[in-house]
Amino acid sequence: MKNPVKLLHSLYLAVRYSLPIWIDQHTYPPFFRSIQYRWLSRTHRARVKLIQRQYEIAFGKTLDLEAPKTLNGKIQWLKLFRPDTLITLCADKYRVREYVKEKIGEQYLPKLLGVWKRPEEIDFTQLPKQFVLKVNWGSGQNLICRDKKTISETGYRKTLRRWLRPFANQYYLALEWGYRDIPPRIICEEYLAFLEQNPKTFKIFCFNGEPRVVQLVMDDKTPQETINYYDSQWNLLPFRQNFPNNPAKIPCPVFWEQMLELARKLSEPFPFVRTDFFESPDGIFFSELTFYSDAGLARFEPEEWDEKLGEMLELPEPMIEKTK
């Protein structure tokens, strides 16, 4: 028979760390978040345990935080041991605009139409026929308006109100540190009509300030979504992640070299960041900076590519004193 003390300890760990993650997978997420992150993630040790459990559930193996080798493993390390305040500024979809303006120039930014703290402050009569509303601390929390006459202002306000709730912050999904302290805002940007004809997003993985791999997303957020990966010379890489590869031969973008140079400038202060762009017929538009691609919880197929990409990233010195 097992030692009863060890048995009770195992039960305690299961209840404290595994049960909330099971709840996340089987119930309404905000309920999980309110339990897990208000109560369980108050200390650095607890955050380590939670991230280890999420990683184990995603990959079926133990997370090595002493010497991680895979890209996903190193992303978990960065969540826990690299709480750089510049990451918080650049993960903020509103304040990152100042960083982009300083590093590469405001000509690459979509036009900003408004910023608000609450949905009730938005005057829809002052907005153009087409626009995009988004919250600054989330992922995929965008409202794309193609014709203002067809939308429900009440419905838009209700959705935005839900996205501004404290536990709607992206941090409460997978402990992505950079989002935690972002002051919530609603922003409105111009509608980029060229994306209707060219629905591609170029997401460039930058390792220690050097663009090495691009994730080309086509038909994003649709049933037809596909993802291809290329190196910096636009050679197709033989792996997939999350979505099927696109079988078509995709030509190198017209502005590819310029896009790489912009990514290099934007990524210079960071050990790892994904710099996202759109390409229009006339040039390049900045989309966002992402510091924890897919929360570091998406499998690569074949699995060996997780380690191959991990070899590209040299981890910096930890900043753990700021997380206590």
C-alpha atoms as a PDB file:
ATOM      1  CA  MET A   1       0.000   0.000   0.000  1.00  0.00           C
ATOM      2  CA  LYS A   2       1.195   3.493  -0.799  1.00  0.00           C
ATOM      3  CA  ASN A   3       2.440   5.742   1.946  1.00  0.00           C
ATOM      4  CA  PRO A   4      -0.745   7.603   3.067  1.00  0.00           C
ATOM      5  CA  VAL A   5       1.166  10.885   3.369  1.00  0.00           C
ATOM      6  CA  LYS A   6       2.394  10.610  -0.242  1.00  0.00           C
ATOM      7  CA  LEU A   7      -1.093   9.620  -1.348  1.00  0.00           C
ATOM      8  CA  LEU A   8      -2.623  12.696   0.299  1.00  0.00           C
ATOM      9  CA  HIS A   9       0.105  14.887  -1.199  1.00  0.00           C
ATOM     10  CA  SER A  10      -0.611  13.514  -4.700  1.00  0.00           C
ATOM     11  CA  LEU A  11      -4.315  14.174  -4.205  1.00  0.00           C
ATOM     12  CA  TYR A  12      -3.538  17.735  -3.072  1.00  0.00           C
ATOM     13  CA  LEU A  13      -1.424  18.379  -6.190  1.00  0.00           C
ATOM     14  CA  ALA A  14      -4.129  16.966  -8.438  1.00  0.00           C
ATOM     15  CA  VAL A  15      -6.801  19.182  -6.910  1.00  0.00           C
ATOM     16  CA  ARG A  16      -4.642  22.282  -6.853  1.00  0.00           C
ATOM     17  CA  TYR A  17      -3.038  22.107 -10.281  1.00  0.00           C
ATOM     18  CA  SER A  18      -4.732  19.494 -12.467  1.00  0.00           C
ATOM     19  CA  LEU A  19      -8.392  20.087 -11.637  1.00  0.00           C
ATOM     20  CA  PRO A  20      -8.453  23.739 -12.812  1.00  0.00           C
ATOM     21  CA  ILE A  21      -6.866  22.739 -16.130  1.00  0.00           C
ATOM     22  CA  TRP A  22      -9.443  19.969 -16.561  1.00  0.00           C
ATOM     23  CA  ILE A  23     -12.171  22.552 -15.857  1.00  0.00           C
ATOM     24  CA  ASP A  24     -10.644  24.795 -18.563  1.00  0.00           C
ATOM     25  CA  GLN A  25     -11.013  22.014 -21.110  1.00  0.00           C
ATOM     26  CA  HIS A  26     -14.573  21.034 -20.165  1.00  0.00           C
ATOM     27  CA  THR A  27     -16.387  24.174 -19.000  1.00  0.00           C
ATOM     28  CA  TYR A  28     -16.862  27.876 -19.716  1.00  0.00           C
ATOM     29  CA  PRO A  29     -13.336  29.369 -19.641  1.00  0.00           C
ATOM     30  CA  PRO A  30     -13.986  32.471 -17.466  1.00  0.00           C
ATOM     31  CA  PHE A  31     -15.135  30.173 -14.654  1.00  0.00           C
ATOM     32  CA  PHE A  32     -11.852  28.274 -14.900  1.00  0.00           C
ATOM     33  CA  ARG A  33      -9.839  31.469 -15.057  1.00  0.00           C
ATOM     34  CA  SER A  34     -11.492  33.014 -12.008  1.00  0.00           C
ATOM     35  CA  ILE A  35     -10.571  29.909  -9.996  1.00  0.00           C
ATOM     36  CA  GLN A  36      -7.163  29.134 -11.409  1.00  0.00           C
ATOM     37  CA  TYR A  37      -5.549  32.510 -11.783  1.00  0.00           C
ATOM     38  CA  ARG A  38      -6.952  34.537  -8.919  1.00  0.00           C
ATOM     39  CA  TRP A  39      -6.246  31.809  -6.391  1.00  0.00           C
ATOM     40  CA  LEU A  40      -3.504  29.651  -7.869  1.00  0.00           C
ATOM     41  CA  SER A  41      -1.138  31.970  -9.757  1.00  0.00           C
ATOM     42  CA  ARG A  42      -0.360  34.459  -6.995  1.00  0.00           C
ATOM     43  CA  THR A  43       3.207  33.201  -6.509  1.00  0.00           C
ATOM     44  CA  HIS A  44       6.007  32.390  -8.904  1.00  0.00           C
ATOM     45  CA  ARG A  45       6.122  28.807  -7.663  1.00  0.00           C
ATOM     46  CA  ALA A  46       2.421  28.358  -8.416  1.00  0.00           C
ATOM     47  CA  ARG A  47       2.857  29.783 -11.918  1.00  0.00           C
ATOM     48  CA  VAL A  48       5.670  27.308 -12.540  1.00  0.00           C
ATOM     49  CA  LYS A  49       3.429  24.415 -11.488  1.00  0.00           C
ATOM     50  CA  LEU A  50       0.529  25.578 -13.651  1.00  0.00           C
ATOM     51  CA  ILE A  51       2.678  26.044 -16.738  1.00  0.00           C
ATOM     52  CA  GLN A  52       4.285  22.645 -16.197  1.00  0.00           C
ATOM     53  CA  ARG A  53       0.846  21.008 -16.070  1.00  0.00           C
ATOM     54  CA  GLN A  54      -0.396  22.814 -19.172  1.00  0.00           C
ATOM     55  CA  TYR A  55       2.729  21.761 -21.058  1.00  0.00           C
ATOM     56  CA  GLU A  56       2.368  18.151 -19.892  1.00  0.00           C
ATOM     57  CA  ILE A  57      -1.257  18.071 -21.038  1.00  0.00           C
ATOM     58  CA  ALA A  58      -0.367  19.585 -24.426  1.00  0.00           C
ATOM     59  CA  PHE A  59       2.673  17.411 -25.195  1.00  0.00           C
ATOM     60  CA  GLY A  60       2.414  14.391 -22.926  1.00  0.00           C
ATOM     61  CA  LYS A  61       5.853  14.957 -21.418  1.00  0.00           C
ATOM     62  CA  THR A  62       7.555  16.862 -18.610  1.00  0.00           C
ATOM     63  CA  LEU A  63       8.626  20.469 -19.188  1.00  0.00           C
ATOM     64  CA  ASP A  64      12.365  20.957 -18.692  1.00  0.00           C
ATOM     65  CA  LEU A  65      12.852  24.453 -17.284  1.00  0.00           C
ATOM     66  CA  GLU A  66      16.515  23.948 -16.361  1.00  0.00           C
ATOM     67  CA  ALA A  67      17.682  23.530 -19.955  1.00  0.00           C
ATOM     68  CA  PRO A  68      14.755  23.596 -22.408  1.00  0.00           C
ATOM     69  CA  LYS A  69      15.618  22.511 -25.939  1.00  0.00           C
ATOM     70  CA  THR A  70      12.409  22.942 -27.918  1.00  0.00           C
ATOM     71  CA  LEU A  71      10.902  26.232 -29.069  1.00  0.00           C
ATOM     72  CA  ASN A  72       7.706  25.518 -27.139  1.00  0.00           C
ATOM     73  CA  GLY A  73       9.701  24.714 -24.016  1.00  0.00           C
ATOM     74  CA  LYS A  74      11.723  27.910 -24.332  1.00  0.00           C
ATOM     75  CA  ILE A  75       8.534  29.956 -24.737  1.00  0.00           C
ATOM     76  CA  GLN A  76       7.357  28.559 -21.383  1.00  0.00           C
ATOM     77  CA  TRP A  77      10.704  29.597 -19.881  1.00  0.00           C
ATOM     78  CA  LEU A  78      10.269  33.128 -21.253  1.00  0.00           C
ATOM     79  CA  LYS A  79       6.785  33.350 -19.703  1.00  0.00           C
ATOM     80  CA  LEU A  80       8.202  32.518 -16.297  1.00  0.00           C
ATOM     81  CA  PHE A  81      11.646  34.091 -16.192  1.00  0.00           C
ATOM     82  CA  ARG A  82      11.655  37.075 -18.554  1.00  0.00           C
ATOM     83  CA  PRO A  83       9.097  39.656 -17.300  1.00  0.00           C
ATOM     84  CA  ASP A  84      10.421  42.563 -19.386  1.00  0.00           C
ATOM     85  CA  THR A  85       8.215  45.670 -19.123  1.00  0.00           C
ATOM     86  CA  LEU A  86       8.991  46.502 -22.768  1.00  0.00           C
ATOM     87  CA  ILE A  87       7.171  43.276 -23.677  1.00  0.00           C
ATOM     88  CA  THR A  88       4.095  44.567 -21.817  1.00  0.00           C
ATOM     89  CA  LEU A  89       4.204  47.817 -23.792  1.00  0.00           C
ATOM     90  CA  CYS A  90       4.612  46.004 -27.116  1.00  0.00           C
ATOM     91  CA  ALA A  91       1.970  43.346 -26.413  1.00  0.00           C
ATOM     92  CA  ASP A  92      -0.495  46.226 -25.933  1.00  0.00           C
ATOM     93  CA  LYS A  93      -2.133  46.719 -29.333  1.00  0.00           C
ATOM     94  CA  TYR A  94      -2.576  50.428 -28.599  1.00  0.00           C
ATOM     95  CA  ARG A  95       0.751  51.411 -27.022  1.00  0.00           C
ATOM     96  CA  VAL A  96       2.806  49.308 -29.455  1.00  0.00           C
ATOM     97  CA  ARG A  97       1.996  51.935 -32.062  1.00  0.00           C
ATOM     98  CA  GLU A  98       4.430  54.335 -30.380  1.00  0.00           C
ATOM     99  CA  TYR A  99       7.140  51.678 -30.402  1.00  0.00           C
ATOM    100  CA  VAL A 100       6.552  50.964 -34.108  1.00  0.00           C
ATOM    101  CA  LYS A 101       6.570  54.679 -34.906  1.00  0.00           C
ATOM    102  CA  GLU A 102       9.908  55.079 -33.156  1.00  0.00           C
ATOM    103  CA  LYS A 103      11.581  51.984 -34.627  1.00  0.00           C
ATOM    104  CA  ILE A 104      10.398  51.918 -38.268  1.00  0.00           C
ATOM    105  CA  GLY A 105       8.018  54.859 -38.795  1.00  0.00           C
ATOM    106  CA  GLU A 106       4.277  55.423 -38.557  1.00  0.00           C
ATOM    107  CA  GLN A 107       3.746  54.920 -42.309  1.00  0.00           C
ATOM    108  CA  TYR A 108       3.467  51.173 -41.642  1.00  0.00           C
ATOM    109  CA  LEU A 109       0.615  51.534 -39.155  1.00  0.00           C
ATOM    110  CA  PRO A 110      -3.084  51.290 -40.055  1.00  0.00           C
ATOM    111  CA  LYS A 111      -4.791  54.598 -39.386  1.00  0.00           C
ATOM    112  CA  LEU A 112      -6.071  54.944 -35.805  1.00  0.00           C
ATOM    113  CA  LEU A 113      -9.704  56.155 -35.678  1.00  0.00           C
ATOM    114  CA  GLY A 114     -10.382  56.150 -31.937  1.00  0.00           C
ATOM    115  CA  VAL A 115      -9.477  54.899 -28.453  1.00  0.00           C
ATOM    116  CA  TRP A 116     -11.918  54.357 -25.584  1.00  0.00           C
ATOM    117  CA  LYS A 117     -11.990  52.885 -22.084  1.00  0.00           C
ATOM    118  CA  ARG A 118     -15.626  51.736 -22.240  1.00  0.00           C
ATOM    119  CA  PRO A 119     -17.943  50.608 -25.065  1.00  0.00           C
ATOM    120  CA  GLU A 120     -20.496  53.254 -24.043  1.00  0.00           C
ATOM    121  CA  GLU A 121     -18.026  55.976 -25.090  1.00  0.00           C
ATOM    122  CA  ILE A 122     -18.028  54.923 -28.747  1.00  0.00           C
ATOM    123  CA  ASP A 123     -19.993  57.232 -31.054  1.00  0.00           C
ATOM    124  CA  PHE A 124     -20.711  55.029 -34.053  1.00  0.00           C
ATOM    125  CA  THR A 125     -22.049  58.003 -36.036  1.00  0.00           C
ATOM    126  CA  GLN A 126     -18.497  59.365 -36.157  1.00  0.00           C
ATOM    127  CA  LEU A 127     -16.993  56.173 -37.576  1.00  0.00           C
ATOM    128  CA  PRO A 128     -16.667  55.499 -41.319  1.00  0.00           C
ATOM    129  CA  LYS A 129     -18.674  52.899 -43.201  1.00  0.00           C
ATOM    130  CA  GLN A 130     -15.929  50.301 -42.683  1.00  0.00           C
ATOM    131  CA  PHE A 131     -13.673  49.903 -39.652  1.00  0.00           C
ATOM    132  CA  VAL A 132     -12.124  47.404 -37.219  1.00  0.00           C
ATOM    133  CA  LEU A 133     -12.702  47.440 -33.459  1.00  0.00           C
ATOM    134  CA  LYS A 134     -10.414  45.473 -31.166  1.00  0.00           C
ATOM    135  CA  VAL A 135      -9.371  45.289 -27.527  1.00  0.00           C
ATOM    136  CA  ASN A 136      -5.717  45.902 -26.800  1.00  0.00           C
ATOM    137  CA  TRP A 137      -4.994  42.977 -24.451  1.00  0.00           C
ATOM    138  CA  GLY A 138      -6.396  39.999 -26.301  1.00  0.00           C
ATOM    139  CA  SER A 139      -5.861  37.652 -29.221  1.00  0.00           C
ATOM    140  CA  GLY A 140      -8.411  37.408 -32.014  1.00  0.00           C
ATOM    141  CA  GLN A 141     -10.762  39.808 -30.223  1.00  0.00           C
ATOM    142  CA  ASN A 142     -11.600  41.845 -33.314  1.00  0.00           C
ATOM    143  CA  LEU A 143     -14.858  43.141 -34.747  1.00  0.00           C
ATOM    144  CA  ILE A 144     -14.532  43.706 -38.503  1.00  0.00           C
ATOM    145  CA  CYS A 145     -17.221  45.984 -39.888  1.00  0.00           C
ATOM    146  CA  ARG A 146     -17.571  45.941 -43.670  1.00  0.00           C
ATOM    147  CA  ASP A 147     -20.822  47.923 -43.719  1.00  0.00           C
ATOM    148  CA  LYS A 148     -21.900  50.001 -40.740  1.00  0.00           C
ATOM    149  CA  LYS A 149     -25.557  49.832 -41.799  1.00  0.00           C
ATOM    150  CA  THR A 150     -25.666  46.088 -41.173  1.00  0.00           C
ATOM    151  CA  ILE A 151     -24.210  45.950 -37.643  1.00  0.00           C
ATOM    152  CA  SER A 152     -25.924  46.004 -34.255  1.00  0.00           C
ATOM    153  CA  GLU A 153     -24.367  48.725 -32.102  1.00  0.00           C
ATOM    154  CA  THR A 154     -25.889  47.076 -29.034  1.00  0.00           C
ATOM    155  CA  GLY A 155     -24.364  43.748 -30.034  1.00  0.00           C
ATOM    156  CA  TYR A 156     -20.953  45.326 -30.631  1.00  0.00           C
ATOM    157  CA  ARG A 157     -21.041  47.043 -27.221  1.00  0.00           C
ATOM    158  CA  LYS A 158     -22.068  43.806 -25.522  1.00  0.00           C
ATOM    159  CA  THR A 159     -19.203  41.882 -27.119  1.00  0.00           C
ATOM    160  CA  LEU A 160     -16.662  44.578 -26.256  1.00  0.00           C
ATOM    161  CA  ARG A 161     -17.940  44.711 -22.677  1.00  0.00           C
ATOM    162  CA  ARG A 162     -17.332  40.965 -22.377  1.00  0.00           C
ATOM    163  CA  TRP A 163     -13.819  41.280 -23.815  1.00  0.00           C
ATOM    164  CA  LEU A 164     -12.962  43.990 -21.270  1.00  0.00           C
ATOM    165  CA  ARG A 165     -13.839  41.877 -18.246  1.00  0.00           C
ATOM    166  CA  PRO A 166     -10.733  41.326 -16.075  1.00  0.00           C
ATOM    167  CA  PHE A 167     -10.452  37.613 -16.857  1.00  0.00           C
ATOM    168  CA  ALA A 168     -10.764  38.188 -20.603  1.00  0.00           C
ATOM    169  CA  ASN A 169      -7.136  39.378 -20.533  1.00  0.00           C
ATOM    170  CA  GLN A 170      -4.963  37.023 -22.623  1.00  0.00           C
ATOM    171  CA  TYR A 171      -2.784  36.416 -19.543  1.00  0.00           C
ATOM    172  CA  TYR A 172      -5.512  34.296 -17.992  1.00  0.00           C
ATOM    173  CA  LEU A 173      -5.410  31.756 -20.805  1.00  0.00           C
ATOM    174  CA  ALA A 174      -1.857  30.441 -20.501  1.00  0.00           C
ATOM    175  CA  LEU A 175       0.039  32.801 -18.159  1.00  0.00           C
ATOM    176  CA  GLU A 176       1.532  34.870 -20.979  1.00  0.00           C
ATOM    177  CA  TRP A 177       3.208  37.383 -18.705  1.00  0.00           C
ATOM    178  CA  GLY A 178       3.394  40.268 -21.164  1.00  0.00           C
ATOM    179  CA  TYR A 179      -0.392  40.737 -21.189  1.00  0.00           C
ATOM    180  CA  ARG A 180      -0.925  40.777 -17.412  1.00  0.00           C
ATOM    181  CA  ASP A 181      -0.471  44.495 -16.701  1.00  0.00           C
ATOM    182  CA  ILE A 182      -1.919  46.006 -19.885  1.00  0.00           C
ATOM    183  CA  PRO A 183      -4.504  48.712 -19.071  1.00  0.00           C
ATOM    184  CA  PRO A 184      -7.603  47.704 -21.094  1.00  0.00           C
ATOM    185  CA  ARG A 185      -8.657  49.862 -24.034  1.00  0.00           C
ATOM    186  CA  ILE A 186     -10.827  49.603 -27.131  1.00  0.00           C
ATOM    187  CA  ILE A 187      -9.188  50.808 -30.321  1.00  0.00           C
ATOM    188  CA  CYS A 188     -10.594  51.429 -33.770  1.00  0.00           C
ATOM    189  CA  GLU A 189      -8.442  51.153 -36.874  1.00  0.00           C
ATOM    190  CA  GLU A 190      -9.096  51.650 -40.542  1.00  0.00           C
ATOM    191  CA  TYR A 191     -10.475  48.726 -42.537  1.00  0.00           C
ATOM    192  CA  LEU A 192      -7.802  47.277 -44.847  1.00  0.00           C
ATOM    193  CA  ALA A 193      -9.867  46.458 -47.928  1.00  0.00           C
ATOM    194  CA  PHE A 194      -6.984  44.814 -49.811  1.00  0.00           C
ATOM    195  CA  LEU A 195      -7.197  41.841 -47.409  1.00  0.00           C
ATOM    196  CA  GLU A 196     -10.427  40.795 -49.138  1.00  0.00           C
ATOM    197  CA  GLN A 197      -8.401  39.964 -52.260  1.00  0.00           C
ATOM    198  CA  ASN A 198      -5.155  38.974 -50.558  1.00  0.00           C
ATOM    199  CA  PRO A 199      -6.007  37.402 -47.177  1.00  0.00           C
ATOM    200  CA  LYS A 200      -2.445  36.609 -46.137  1.00  0.00           C
ATOM    201  CA  THR A 201      -0.623  37.368 -42.887  1.00  0.00           C
ATOM    202  CA  PHE A 202       3.167  37.110 -42.727  1.00  0.00           C
ATOM    203  CA  LYS A 203       4.232  36.157 -39.200  1.00  0.00           C
ATOM    204  CA  ILE A 204       8.005  36.301 -38.940  1.00  0.00           C
ATOM    205  CA  PHE A 205       9.708  34.389 -36.115  1.00  0.00           C
ATOM    206  CA  CYS A 206      12.688  36.440 -34.909  1.00  0.00           C
ATOM    207  CA  PHE A 207      15.344  34.742 -32.785  1.00  0.00           C
ATOM    208  CA  ASN A 208      17.687  37.047 -30.846  1.00  0.00           C
ATOM    209  CA  GLY A 209      16.923  39.891 -33.235  1.00  0.00           C
ATOM    210  CA  GLU A 210      17.251  37.916 -36.468  1.00  0.00           C
ATOM    211  CA  PRO A 211      14.268  36.922 -38.682  1.00  0.00           C
ATOM    212  CA  ARG A 212      14.688  33.206 -39.411  1.00  0.00           C
ATOM    213  CA  VAL A 213      11.287  31.646 -40.152  1.00  0.00           C
ATOM    214  CA  VAL A 214       7.994  32.992 -41.485  1.00  0.00           C
ATOM    215  CA  GLN A 215       4.573  31.547 -40.788  1.00  0.00           C
ATOM    216  CA  LEU A 216       2.372  32.364 -43.786  1.00  0.00           C
ATOM    217  CA  VAL A 217      -1.297  32.284 -42.755  1.00  0.00           C
ATOM    218  CA  MET A 218      -3.861  32.224 -45.565  1.00  0.00           C
ATOM    219  CA  ASP A 219      -7.616  32.696 -45.088  1.00  0.00           C
ATOM    220  CA  ASP A 220      -7.124  33.357 -41.374  1.00  0.00           C
ATOM    221  CA  LYS A 221     -10.070  32.560 -39.067  1.00  0.00           C
ATOM    222  CA  THR A 222     -12.014  30.783 -41.834  1.00  0.00           C
ATOM    223  CA  PRO A 223     -12.738  27.085 -42.521  1.00  0.00           C
ATOM    224  CA  GLN A 224     -10.245  27.310 -45.414  1.00  0.00           C
ATOM    225  CA  GLU A 225      -7.336  28.447 -43.226  1.00  0.00           C
ATOM    226  CA  THR A 226      -3.929  27.014 -44.163  1.00  0.00           C
ATOM    227  CA  ILE A 227      -0.431  27.681 -42.851  1.00  0.00           C
ATOM    228  CA  ASN A 228       2.925  27.255 -44.572  1.00  0.00           C
ATOM    229  CA  TYR A 229       6.384  27.842 -43.114  1.00  0.00           C
ATOM    230  CA  TYR A 230       9.363  29.274 -45.018  1.00  0.00           C
ATOM    231  CA  ASP A 231      12.918  30.197 -44.154  1.00  0.00           C
ATOM    232  CA  SER A 232      14.291  33.692 -44.699  1.00  0.00           C
ATOM    233  CA  GLN A 233      15.185  32.772 -48.316  1.00  0.00           C
ATOM    234  CA  TRP A 234      11.548  31.768 -48.962  1.00  0.00           C
ATOM    235  CA  ASN A 235      12.267  28.061 -49.101  1.00  0.00           C
ATOM    236  CA  LEU A 236       9.277  25.973 -48.003  1.00  0.00           C
ATOM    237  CA  LEU A 237       9.914  24.141 -44.717  1.00  0.00           C
ATOM    238  CA  PRO A 238       8.526  20.577 -44.345  1.00  0.00           C
ATOM    239  CA  PHE A 239       6.394  20.838 -41.225  1.00  0.00           C
ATOM    240  CA  ARG A 240       2.970  21.962 -40.062  1.00  0.00           C
ATOM    241  CA  GLN A 241       1.355  23.330 -36.941  1.00  0.00           C
ATOM    242  CA  ASN A 242      -2.352  23.700 -36.077  1.00  0.00           C
ATOM    243  CA  PHE A 243      -3.613  23.837 -39.691  1.00  0.00           C
ATOM    244  CA  PRO A 244      -2.936  21.994 -42.966  1.00  0.00           C
ATOM    245  CA  ASN A 245      -0.246  23.196 -45.337  1.00  0.00           C
ATOM    246  CA  ASN A 246      -1.302  24.942 -48.522  1.00  0.00           C
ATOM    247  CA  PRO A 247      -0.357  22.765 -51.531  1.00  0.00           C
ATOM    248  CA  ALA A 248      -0.062  25.722 -53.895  1.00  0.00           C
ATOM    249  CA  LYS A 249       3.324  27.150 -54.791  1.00  0.00           C
ATOM    250  CA  ILE A 250       3.217  30.562 -53.120  1.00  0.00           C
ATOM    251  CA  PRO A 251       5.515  33.162 -54.723  1.00  0.00           C
ATOM    252  CA  CYS A 252       7.879  35.197 -52.603  1.00  0.00           C
ATOM    253  CA  PRO A 253       6.231  38.503 -51.559  1.00  0.00           C
ATOM    254  CA  VAL A 254       7.169  41.565 -53.567  1.00  0.00           C
ATOM    255  CA  PHE A 255       8.282  43.409 -50.437  1.00  0.00           C
ATOM    256  CA  TRP A 256       9.931  40.398 -48.740  1.00  0.00           C
ATOM    257  CA  GLU A 257      13.389  41.882 -48.189  1.00  0.00           C
ATOM    258  CA  GLN A 258      11.879  45.066 -46.797  1.00  0.00           C
ATOM    259  CA  MET A 259       9.619  43.020 -44.521  1.00  0.00           C
ATOM    260  CA  LEU A 260      12.634  41.129 -43.157  1.00  0.00           C
ATOM    261  CA  GLU A 261      14.460  44.374 -42.443  1.00  0.00           C
ATOM    262  CA  LEU A 262      11.444  45.802 -40.603  1.00  0.00           C
ATOM    263  CA  ALA A 263      11.184  42.596 -38.567  1.00  0.00           C
ATOM    264  CA  ARG A 264      14.885  42.849 -37.728  1.00  0.00           C
ATOM    265  CA  LYS A 265      14.480  46.396 -36.395  1.00  0.00           C
ATOM    266  CA  LEU A 266      11.336  45.646 -34.389  1.00  0.00           C
ATOM    267  CA  SER A 267      12.744  42.469 -32.827  1.00  0.00           C
ATOM    268  CA  GLU A 268      16.158  43.875 -31.881  1.00  0.00           C
ATOM    269  CA  PRO A 269      15.535  44.193 -28.082  1.00  0.00           C
ATOM    270  CA  PHE A 270      13.872  40.789 -27.635  1.00  0.00           C
ATOM    271  CA  PRO A 271      15.163  37.192 -27.394  1.00  0.00           C
ATOM    272  CA  PHE A 272      12.101  35.938 -29.248  1.00  0.00           C
ATOM    273  CA  VAL A 273       9.189  37.711 -30.913  1.00  0.00           C
ATOM    274  CA  ARG A 274       6.887  37.104 -33.852  1.00  0.00           C
ATOM    275  CA  THR A 275       6.494  40.209 -36.017  1.00  0.00           C
ATOM    276  CA  ASP A 276       3.263  40.131 -38.025  1.00  0.00           C
ATOM    277  CA  PHE A 277       2.648  42.040 -41.258  1.00  0.00           C
ATOM    278  CA  PHE A 278       0.163  42.399 -44.099  1.00  0.00           C
ATOM    279  CA  GLU A 279       1.240  43.079 -47.680  1.00  0.00           C
ATOM    280  CA  SER A 280      -0.832  45.411 -49.827  1.00  0.00           C
ATOM    281  CA  PRO A 281      -0.270  46.189 -53.523  1.00  0.00           C
ATOM    282  CA  ASP A 282       1.438  49.417 -52.416  1.00  0.00           C
ATOM    283  CA  GLY A 283       3.481  48.282 -49.455  1.00  0.00           C
ATOM    284  CA  ILE A 284       3.527  46.777 -45.969  1.00  0.00           C
ATOM    285  CA  PHE A 285       1.239  47.206 -42.966  1.00  0.00           C
ATOM    286  CA  PHE A 286       2.204  46.301 -39.412  1.00  0.00           C
ATOM    287  CA  SER A 287      -0.202  43.939 -37.642  1.00  0.00           C
ATOM    288  CA  GLU A 288       1.175  43.085 -34.170  1.00  0.00           C
ATOM    289  CA  LEU A 289       4.041  41.734 -32.092  1.00  0.00           C
ATOM    290  CA  THR A 290       3.493  38.323 -30.483  1.00  0.00           C
ATOM    291  CA  PHE A 291       5.891  37.129 -27.786  1.00  0.00           C
ATOM    292  CA  TYR A 292       4.473  33.675 -27.038  1.00  0.00           C
ATOM    293  CA  SER A 293       3.415  32.224 -30.379  1.00  0.00           C
ATOM    294  CA  ASP A 294       0.442  29.877 -29.830  1.00  0.00           C
ATOM    295  CA  ALA A 295       1.196  30.197 -26.089  1.00  0.00           C
ATOM    296  CA  GLY A 296       4.019  27.702 -26.686  1.00  0.00           C
ATOM    297  CA  LEU A 297       1.427  24.913 -26.612  1.00  0.00           C
ATOM    298  CA  ALA A 298       1.020  23.965 -30.286  1.00  0.00           C
ATOM    299  CA  ARG A 299       2.572  20.729 -31.568  1.00  0.00           C
ATOM    300  CA  PHE A 300       4.878  20.653 -34.561  1.00  0.00           C
ATOM    301  CA  GLU A 301       4.496  17.839 -37.083  1.00  0.00           C
ATOM    302  CA  PRO A 302       7.039  16.276 -37.411  1.00  0.00           C
ATOM    303  CA  GLU A 303       7.910  16.822 -33.752  1.00  0.00           C
ATOM    304  CA  GLU A 304      11.627  17.198 -34.492  1.00  0.00           C
ATOM    305  CA  TRP A 305      10.974  20.721 -35.802  1.00  0.00           C
ATOM    306  CA  ASP A 306      10.127  21.906 -32.299  1.00  0.00           C
ATOM    307  CA  GLU A 307      13.738  21.220 -31.336  1.00  0.00           C
ATOM    308  CA  LYS A 308      15.170  22.513 -34.629  1.00  0.00           C
ATOM    309  CA  LEU A 309      13.490  25.880 -34.071  1.00  0.00           C
ATOM    310  CA  GLY A 310      14.459  25.752 -30.411  1.00  0.00           C
ATOM    311  CA  GLU A 311      18.121  25.569 -31.453  1.00  0.00           C
ATOM    312  CA  MET A 312      17.710  28.977 -33.107  1.00  0.00           C
ATOM    313  CA  LEU A 313      16.832  30.660 -29.799  1.00  0.00           C
ATOM    314  CA  GLU A 314      19.517  31.501 -27.255  1.00  0.00           C
ATOM    315  CA  LEU A 315      17.801  32.238 -23.961  1.00  0.00           C
ATOM    316  CA  PRO A 316      18.877  35.394 -22.083  1.00  0.00           C
ATOM    317  CA  GLU A 317      19.651  35.713 -18.397  1.00  0.00           C
ATOM    318  CA  PRO A 318      16.534  35.217 -16.239  1.00  0.00           C
ATOM    319  CA  MET A 319      14.797  38.137 -14.514  1.00  0.00           C
ATOM    320  CA  ILE A 320      13.067  36.016 -11.891  1.00  0.00           C
ATOM    321  CA  GLU A 321      13.343  38.588  -9.126  1.00  0.00           C
ATOM    322  CA  LYS A 322      10.627  40.629 -10.871  1.00  0.00           C
ATOM    323  CA  THR A 323       8.125  37.764 -10.836  1.00  0.00           C
ATOM    324  CA  LYS A 324       8.069  37.095  -7.096  1.00  0.00           C
END
